[in-house]
Amino acid sequence: MTVAIPHYKHRQYLQVVLETVLSQDCDSFELLVSDDCSPDDSAAVIPDMLLASGRPFRYYTQPSNLGYDGNVRFCLAAAQGRYVLLLGNDDALAGPDIVRRLIDLLSDLGNPAVAFVNFSDYETGAVVARAQRTQLLGAGPETALRYFRSFSFVAGLIYDREYARQHETDRWDQSIYYQIYLAGRIIASGNSLAAIALTAVRKDVRVAGDHVFNYAVKWANAPWSFQSRHTGMDSVIRVTADAILPFVPAGMQSATLRQIINQILTITYPYWLMEYRRVANWSFAVGIARSMWPGRLLAEYTILHPADRLRIWFRYVIVTVGGLFIPASLFHRIKERLAGMLRQRQQNPTPAAPIIRDKHT
């Protein structure tokens, strides 16, 4: 296995992450760090830290900035292990036995092409259980359509290196969602996906009580403005459609695209409306609604049938009204319960999807 970290600045957080990787209780992995022209002292500090550990490693300093997507692609291409476990440079491993347990579980699952694990908040310990059980989830376009949202958070995603190389493309550089495209394309083309119910990652490392600058800090108490606010949800739709639709019969492509868009409108979109109402203000949420206006959002999708367009419009109107006017306090009280219910329904096991028990627990 390769533990790969696409890195850009925030050296002090990366050091904490690396300590958790270097403390693993097995030697069946390599460590790879790709420094994407960090403007801080990463290249002066991190290689010495890795040398002192005595662990095998490779530290790449990119000659020019690749951007997030390009750096993820570089990590997947440069890896030498069969599997590549991606980590963010502020997302640590949750314990010293994580790599060993993942290697065993991947073998028990019959070596799937793609897998995802659970993660917790570094400070609070609250777990996001995107994997409800350790099990195979399937393969093909329907599986990719069902699970593409599970790949929005990059840390804890696991790719079979050879499949990642087969489907590599620079088409989605600057999208910041290359990992969703790649997982969707690998799965849609007929390769298996697995969920691993192991909390393997601690998200958002804290150093001296602080974490990496994020959206909540950036937009806290933003001034009132109704300008359109781009959040990347349209990019998720684009990369997912490109990943899945080539493997869907022509007569089903409009319905499949509608299902991709409706997943975003039903689950992702209302969450961000409510979250930005909390972080910023109500006008900011209106700006998000403007950015998702179907007249603009659907203009590039000529394959959509009129009936599917109408159904998307209807969903957008209903969800927007609810997202802007339902009391935000109510939503934030029940959001974790709702998320758990959705994941439980999504991952109900079938006779064809045996559950694997982790022998280390």
Protein backbone atom coordinates (compact mmCIF):
# COMPACT_ATOMS: atom_id res chain seq x y z
CA MET A 1 0.00 0.00 0.00
CA THR A 2 1.03 3.62 -0.63
CA VAL A 3 -0.06 6.32 1.78
CA ALA A 4 -0.08 9.37 -0.51
CA ILE A 5 -0.39 12.99 0.60
CA PRO A 6 -0.87 15.75 -2.02
CA HIS A 7 0.58 18.70 -0.12
CA TYR A 8 0.43 22.47 -0.46
CA LYS A 9 1.68 24.74 2.36
CA HIS A 10 0.50 24.26 6.00
CA ARG A 11 3.74 22.50 6.92
CA GLN A 12 2.95 22.47 10.66
CA TYR A 13 -0.22 20.45 10.05
CA LEU A 14 1.53 18.06 7.70
CA GLN A 15 4.07 17.30 10.42
CA VAL A 16 1.29 16.12 12.73
CA VAL A 17 -0.19 14.00 9.93
CA LEU A 18 3.18 12.44 9.13
CA GLU A 19 3.74 11.50 12.77
CA THR A 20 0.61 9.35 12.62
CA VAL A 21 1.76 7.69 9.41
CA LEU A 22 5.31 7.09 10.60
CA SER A 23 4.02 5.51 13.82
CA GLN A 24 2.19 2.70 12.01
CA ASP A 25 2.88 -0.74 13.47
CA CYS A 26 3.57 -2.42 10.13
CA ASP A 27 6.10 -2.01 7.35
CA SER A 28 3.87 -3.07 4.43
CA PHE A 29 3.47 0.41 3.01
CA GLU A 30 5.34 3.29 1.43
CA LEU A 31 4.90 6.97 2.19
CA LEU A 32 4.66 9.44 -0.68
CA VAL A 33 4.37 13.23 -0.32
CA SER A 34 3.98 15.50 -3.34
CA ASP A 35 4.75 19.13 -2.48
CA ASP A 36 2.97 21.34 -4.99
CA CYS A 37 5.34 24.35 -4.85
CA SER A 38 4.49 25.22 -1.25
CA PRO A 39 5.35 28.84 -0.46
CA ASP A 40 6.32 27.98 3.13
CA ASP A 41 9.34 26.03 4.46
CA SER A 42 7.88 22.56 3.75
CA ALA A 43 10.69 21.50 1.42
CA ALA A 44 13.32 22.54 3.98
CA VAL A 45 11.70 20.86 7.00
CA ILE A 46 9.72 17.79 5.93
CA PRO A 47 12.44 15.74 4.13
CA ASP A 48 14.70 15.98 7.20
CA MET A 49 11.83 14.82 9.39
CA LEU A 50 11.23 11.84 7.11
CA LEU A 51 14.92 10.96 6.95
CA ALA A 52 15.15 10.96 10.73
CA SER A 53 12.26 8.49 10.96
CA GLY A 54 14.19 5.71 9.20
CA ARG A 55 11.05 4.85 7.21
CA PRO A 56 11.14 4.49 3.42
CA PHE A 57 9.60 7.53 1.77
CA ARG A 58 9.51 9.62 -1.38
CA TYR A 59 9.15 13.38 -1.19
CA TYR A 60 8.52 15.15 -4.50
CA THR A 61 8.88 18.89 -4.94
CA GLN A 62 6.93 19.88 -8.04
CA PRO A 63 8.78 22.31 -10.37
CA SER A 64 5.54 24.18 -11.10
CA ASN A 65 2.18 24.29 -9.42
CA LEU A 66 -0.06 21.40 -10.54
CA GLY A 67 -3.18 22.48 -8.66
CA TYR A 68 -5.18 20.19 -6.41
CA ASP A 69 -6.46 17.82 -9.11
CA GLY A 70 -3.11 17.58 -10.85
CA ASN A 71 -1.37 16.81 -7.58
CA VAL A 72 -3.83 14.04 -6.75
CA ARG A 73 -3.22 12.57 -10.20
CA PHE A 74 0.52 12.78 -9.67
CA CYS A 75 0.28 10.90 -6.38
CA LEU A 76 -1.78 8.13 -7.93
CA ALA A 77 0.60 7.83 -10.88
CA ALA A 78 3.79 7.87 -8.78
CA ALA A 79 2.60 5.35 -6.20
CA GLN A 80 4.20 1.92 -6.22
CA GLY A 81 1.87 0.04 -3.89
CA ARG A 82 -1.09 -1.90 -5.27
CA TYR A 83 -3.44 0.36 -3.30
CA VAL A 84 -3.17 4.10 -2.75
CA LEU A 85 -4.67 5.56 0.44
CA LEU A 86 -5.11 9.30 -0.01
CA LEU A 87 -4.74 11.69 2.92
CA GLY A 88 -5.14 15.44 3.07
CA ASN A 89 -2.20 17.34 4.52
CA ASP A 90 -4.32 18.17 7.57
CA ASP A 91 -6.01 14.75 7.93
CA ALA A 92 -4.25 12.25 10.20
CA LEU A 93 -4.50 8.49 10.58
CA ALA A 94 -6.64 7.55 13.57
CA GLY A 95 -4.31 5.02 15.15
CA PRO A 96 -1.05 3.05 14.75
CA ASP A 97 -2.80 -0.04 13.37
CA ILE A 98 -4.80 1.60 10.58
CA VAL A 99 -2.66 0.59 7.59
CA ARG A 100 -2.37 -3.01 8.78
CA ARG A 101 -6.11 -3.31 9.28
CA LEU A 102 -6.89 -1.75 5.90
CA ILE A 103 -4.55 -4.16 4.11
CA ASP A 104 -6.25 -7.11 5.80
CA LEU A 105 -9.77 -5.84 5.10
CA LEU A 106 -9.06 -5.15 1.43
CA SER A 107 -7.81 -8.72 1.09
CA ASP A 108 -10.87 -10.09 2.92
CA LEU A 109 -13.10 -8.14 0.52
CA GLY A 110 -11.45 -9.76 -2.50
CA ASN A 111 -9.36 -6.72 -3.46
CA PRO A 112 -11.95 -4.19 -4.68
CA ALA A 113 -10.95 -1.50 -7.18
CA VAL A 114 -12.10 1.41 -5.00
CA ALA A 115 -12.97 1.73 -1.31
CA PHE A 116 -13.82 4.37 1.25
CA VAL A 117 -13.52 4.49 5.05
CA ASN A 118 -15.00 6.52 7.88
CA PHE A 119 -13.48 9.61 9.44
CA SER A 120 -13.84 11.60 12.64
CA ASP A 121 -13.32 15.19 13.68
CA TYR A 122 -9.81 15.66 15.10
CA GLU A 123 -11.00 17.80 18.01
CA THR A 124 -14.44 16.44 18.94
CA GLY A 125 -14.11 12.83 17.81
CA ALA A 126 -17.52 12.96 16.10
CA VAL A 127 -17.59 10.20 13.47
CA VAL A 128 -18.87 10.57 9.91
CA ALA A 129 -19.89 7.00 9.06
CA ARG A 130 -19.93 7.13 5.28
CA ALA A 131 -19.38 3.33 5.48
CA GLN A 132 -22.15 1.70 7.52
CA ARG A 133 -20.68 -1.79 7.21
CA THR A 134 -17.59 -3.39 5.78
CA GLN A 135 -18.94 -4.90 2.58
CA LEU A 136 -18.79 -4.97 -1.18
CA LEU A 137 -21.26 -2.50 -2.64
CA GLY A 138 -21.28 -3.58 -6.27
CA ALA A 139 -19.97 -2.41 -9.64
CA GLY A 140 -21.26 -0.72 -12.77
CA PRO A 141 -23.12 2.53 -13.52
CA GLU A 142 -25.90 1.97 -10.96
CA THR A 143 -23.38 1.53 -8.16
CA ALA A 144 -21.42 4.60 -9.27
CA LEU A 145 -24.67 6.60 -9.37
CA ARG A 146 -25.66 5.44 -5.91
CA TYR A 147 -22.36 6.22 -4.18
CA PHE A 148 -20.63 9.11 -5.98
CA ARG A 149 -21.30 11.51 -3.10
CA SER A 150 -19.22 9.29 -0.81
CA PHE A 151 -16.09 10.53 -2.58
CA SER A 152 -16.43 14.26 -1.95
CA PHE A 153 -14.00 14.11 1.01
CA VAL A 154 -10.65 12.89 -0.28
CA ALA A 155 -8.97 11.61 2.89
CA GLY A 156 -9.56 7.90 3.39
CA LEU A 157 -10.30 7.12 -0.25
CA ILE A 158 -8.50 4.03 -1.53
CA TYR A 159 -7.80 3.31 -5.19
CA ASP A 160 -6.26 0.32 -6.91
CA ARG A 161 -3.30 2.00 -8.56
CA GLU A 162 -3.66 0.23 -11.92
CA TYR A 163 -7.31 1.22 -12.35
CA ALA A 164 -6.46 4.80 -11.37
CA ARG A 165 -3.81 4.89 -14.08
CA GLN A 166 -6.11 3.37 -16.69
CA HIS A 167 -8.68 6.12 -16.21
CA GLU A 168 -6.35 9.06 -15.59
CA THR A 169 -7.25 12.32 -17.33
CA ASP A 170 -6.45 16.01 -16.98
CA ARG A 171 -9.94 16.90 -18.23
CA TRP A 172 -11.09 17.87 -14.76
CA ASP A 173 -8.12 19.84 -13.54
CA GLN A 174 -9.37 22.91 -11.65
CA SER A 175 -12.61 21.12 -10.75
CA ILE A 176 -11.28 20.14 -7.25
CA TYR A 177 -13.32 16.95 -7.60
CA TYR A 178 -11.03 14.71 -9.62
CA GLN A 179 -11.36 12.00 -6.97
CA ILE A 180 -15.12 11.81 -7.60
CA TYR A 181 -14.62 11.52 -11.35
CA LEU A 182 -11.98 8.80 -10.95
CA ALA A 183 -13.99 6.69 -8.51
CA GLY A 184 -17.13 7.04 -10.61
CA ARG A 185 -15.34 6.10 -13.83
CA ILE A 186 -13.60 3.06 -12.31
CA ILE A 187 -16.84 1.76 -10.77
CA ALA A 188 -19.08 2.58 -13.76
CA SER A 189 -16.73 0.68 -16.07
CA GLY A 190 -17.47 -2.52 -14.13
CA ASN A 191 -15.03 -2.62 -11.22
CA SER A 192 -16.00 -3.21 -7.62
CA LEU A 193 -16.55 -0.70 -4.82
CA ALA A 194 -16.22 -1.49 -1.13
CA ALA A 195 -17.20 0.28 2.07
CA ILE A 196 -14.89 -0.21 5.06
CA ALA A 197 -16.53 0.62 8.39
CA LEU A 198 -13.28 1.60 10.07
CA THR A 199 -12.76 5.13 11.40
CA ALA A 200 -9.33 5.43 9.82
CA VAL A 201 -8.90 9.21 9.50
CA ARG A 202 -9.01 12.13 11.95
CA LYS A 203 -10.11 15.14 9.93
CA ASP A 204 -8.91 18.75 10.38
CA VAL A 205 -5.75 18.46 12.47
CA ARG A 206 -5.38 21.16 15.10
CA VAL A 207 -2.08 22.84 15.95
CA ALA A 208 -2.11 25.08 19.01
CA GLY A 209 -5.90 24.98 18.85
CA ASP A 210 -6.08 26.19 15.25
CA HIS A 211 -6.96 24.38 12.05
CA VAL A 212 -6.39 25.09 8.37
CA PHE A 213 -8.33 28.11 7.07
CA ASN A 214 -11.69 26.90 5.74
CA TYR A 215 -15.03 28.12 4.41
CA ALA A 216 -16.51 28.62 7.88
CA VAL A 217 -13.72 31.02 8.80
CA LYS A 218 -13.66 32.69 5.40
CA TRP A 219 -17.36 33.52 5.29
CA ALA A 220 -18.14 33.99 8.99
CA ASN A 221 -20.33 37.05 9.41
CA ALA A 222 -20.06 37.92 5.71
CA PRO A 223 -21.77 41.19 4.75
CA TRP A 224 -25.25 40.89 3.31
CA SER A 225 -25.19 40.40 -0.44
CA PHE A 226 -27.44 38.52 -2.83
CA GLN A 227 -24.73 37.94 -5.45
CA SER A 228 -24.42 34.46 -6.95
CA ARG A 229 -22.19 32.19 -4.84
CA HIS A 230 -20.40 29.32 -6.52
CA THR A 231 -19.91 26.33 -4.18
CA GLY A 232 -18.72 23.63 -6.59
CA MET A 233 -21.95 21.63 -6.72
CA ASP A 234 -22.16 22.19 -10.47
CA SER A 235 -18.63 20.78 -10.76
CA VAL A 236 -19.69 17.64 -8.90
CA ILE A 237 -22.50 17.17 -11.41
CA ARG A 238 -20.11 17.62 -14.35
CA VAL A 239 -17.44 15.20 -13.17
CA THR A 240 -20.01 12.59 -12.14
CA ALA A 241 -21.88 12.80 -15.44
CA ASP A 242 -18.64 12.44 -17.39
CA ALA A 243 -17.65 9.45 -15.26
CA ILE A 244 -20.90 7.52 -15.53
CA LEU A 245 -22.81 8.43 -18.71
CA PRO A 246 -20.43 6.78 -21.21
CA PHE A 247 -21.40 3.42 -19.65
CA VAL A 248 -25.17 4.06 -19.75
CA PRO A 249 -27.29 3.13 -22.81
CA ALA A 250 -28.26 6.20 -24.84
CA GLY A 251 -31.93 5.79 -24.02
CA MET A 252 -31.19 5.95 -20.27
CA GLN A 253 -28.74 8.85 -20.22
CA SER A 254 -31.29 11.61 -19.64
CA ALA A 255 -32.85 9.78 -16.69
CA THR A 256 -29.40 9.00 -15.26
CA LEU A 257 -28.32 12.63 -15.52
CA ARG A 258 -31.56 13.68 -13.83
CA GLN A 259 -30.80 11.28 -10.98
CA ILE A 260 -27.29 12.73 -10.57
CA ILE A 261 -28.65 16.28 -10.44
CA ASN A 262 -31.53 15.34 -8.16
CA GLN A 263 -29.17 13.72 -5.65
CA ILE A 264 -27.30 17.01 -5.45
CA LEU A 265 -30.51 19.04 -5.22
CA THR A 266 -32.09 16.76 -2.60
CA ILE A 267 -29.13 16.05 -0.31
CA THR A 268 -26.10 18.28 -0.94
CA TYR A 269 -27.82 21.53 -1.91
CA PRO A 270 -30.14 21.90 1.12
CA TYR A 271 -27.24 21.10 3.46
CA TRP A 272 -25.18 23.99 2.08
CA LEU A 273 -28.15 26.37 2.08
CA MET A 274 -28.58 25.68 5.79
CA GLU A 275 -24.86 25.66 6.56
CA TYR A 276 -24.24 29.04 4.97
CA ARG A 277 -27.28 30.47 6.69
CA ARG A 278 -25.51 29.46 9.91
CA VAL A 279 -21.96 30.48 8.93
CA ALA A 280 -22.76 33.66 6.99
CA ASN A 281 -26.35 34.87 6.63
CA TRP A 282 -29.61 34.35 4.78
CA SER A 283 -28.59 36.49 1.80
CA PHE A 284 -25.54 34.28 1.26
CA ALA A 285 -27.84 31.25 0.98
CA VAL A 286 -29.89 33.13 -1.61
CA GLY A 287 -26.66 33.62 -3.56
CA ILE A 288 -26.12 29.85 -3.50
CA ALA A 289 -29.67 29.34 -4.76
CA ARG A 290 -28.93 31.77 -7.61
CA SER A 291 -25.83 29.79 -8.59
CA MET A 292 -27.94 26.62 -8.85
CA TRP A 293 -30.68 28.24 -10.97
CA PRO A 294 -31.73 25.45 -13.38
CA GLY A 295 -31.94 27.79 -16.36
CA ARG A 296 -28.17 28.19 -16.11
CA LEU A 297 -27.30 24.84 -14.52
CA LEU A 298 -29.00 22.74 -17.21
CA ALA A 299 -28.01 24.79 -20.26
CA GLU A 300 -24.98 22.60 -21.05
CA TYR A 301 -26.89 19.30 -20.87
CA THR A 302 -28.54 18.90 -24.26
CA ILE A 303 -29.31 15.20 -23.63
CA LEU A 304 -31.93 16.05 -20.99
CA HIS A 305 -35.48 15.33 -22.12
CA PRO A 306 -38.11 18.03 -21.46
CA ALA A 307 -39.85 15.86 -18.86
CA ASP A 308 -36.60 15.37 -16.94
CA ARG A 309 -35.89 19.12 -17.09
CA LEU A 310 -39.34 19.83 -15.67
CA ARG A 311 -38.81 17.36 -12.82
CA ILE A 312 -35.46 18.99 -11.96
CA TRP A 313 -37.06 22.45 -11.97
CA PHE A 314 -39.81 21.23 -9.66
CA ARG A 315 -37.32 19.74 -7.20
CA TYR A 316 -35.19 22.87 -7.26
CA VAL A 317 -38.15 25.09 -6.39
CA ILE A 318 -39.37 22.87 -3.54
CA VAL A 319 -35.91 22.38 -2.01
CA THR A 320 -34.98 26.06 -2.37
CA VAL A 321 -38.09 27.24 -0.59
CA GLY A 322 -37.52 24.72 2.19
CA GLY A 323 -33.81 25.45 2.45
CA LEU A 324 -34.35 29.18 2.72
CA PHE A 325 -37.32 29.21 5.09
CA ILE A 326 -37.19 26.12 7.33
CA PRO A 327 -35.73 27.18 10.71
CA ALA A 328 -31.99 26.57 10.52
CA SER A 329 -31.87 25.63 14.21
CA LEU A 330 -34.25 22.72 13.55
CA PHE A 331 -32.14 21.46 10.66
CA HIS A 332 -28.89 21.56 12.65
CA ARG A 333 -30.48 19.63 15.50
CA ILE A 334 -31.49 16.75 13.25
CA LYS A 335 -28.89 16.82 10.44
CA GLU A 336 -26.69 14.05 11.87
CA ARG A 337 -29.70 11.79 12.37
CA LEU A 338 -30.84 12.50 8.81
CA ALA A 339 -27.37 11.76 7.42
CA GLY A 340 -27.23 8.47 9.29
CA MET A 341 -30.65 7.43 8.01
CA LEU A 342 -29.68 8.25 4.43
CA ARG A 343 -26.45 6.24 4.63
CA GLN A 344 -28.22 3.33 6.30
CA ARG A 345 -30.79 3.23 3.52
CA GLN A 346 -28.10 3.64 0.85
CA GLN A 347 -25.97 0.74 2.11
CA ASN A 348 -28.50 -1.87 3.17
CA PRO A 349 -26.74 -5.20 2.52
CA THR A 350 -28.05 -7.61 -0.08
CA PRO A 351 -27.48 -11.38 -0.42
CA ALA A 352 -24.87 -10.56 -3.08
CA ALA A 353 -22.99 -8.20 -0.75
CA PRO A 354 -21.60 -10.19 2.21
CA ILE A 355 -20.58 -8.24 5.31
CA ILE A 356 -16.94 -8.59 6.39
CA ARG A 357 -16.05 -8.53 10.08
CA ASP A 358 -12.87 -6.75 11.15
CA LYS A 359 -10.93 -9.37 13.11
CA HIS A 360 -8.99 -6.63 14.90
CA THR A 361 -12.11 -5.44 16.77
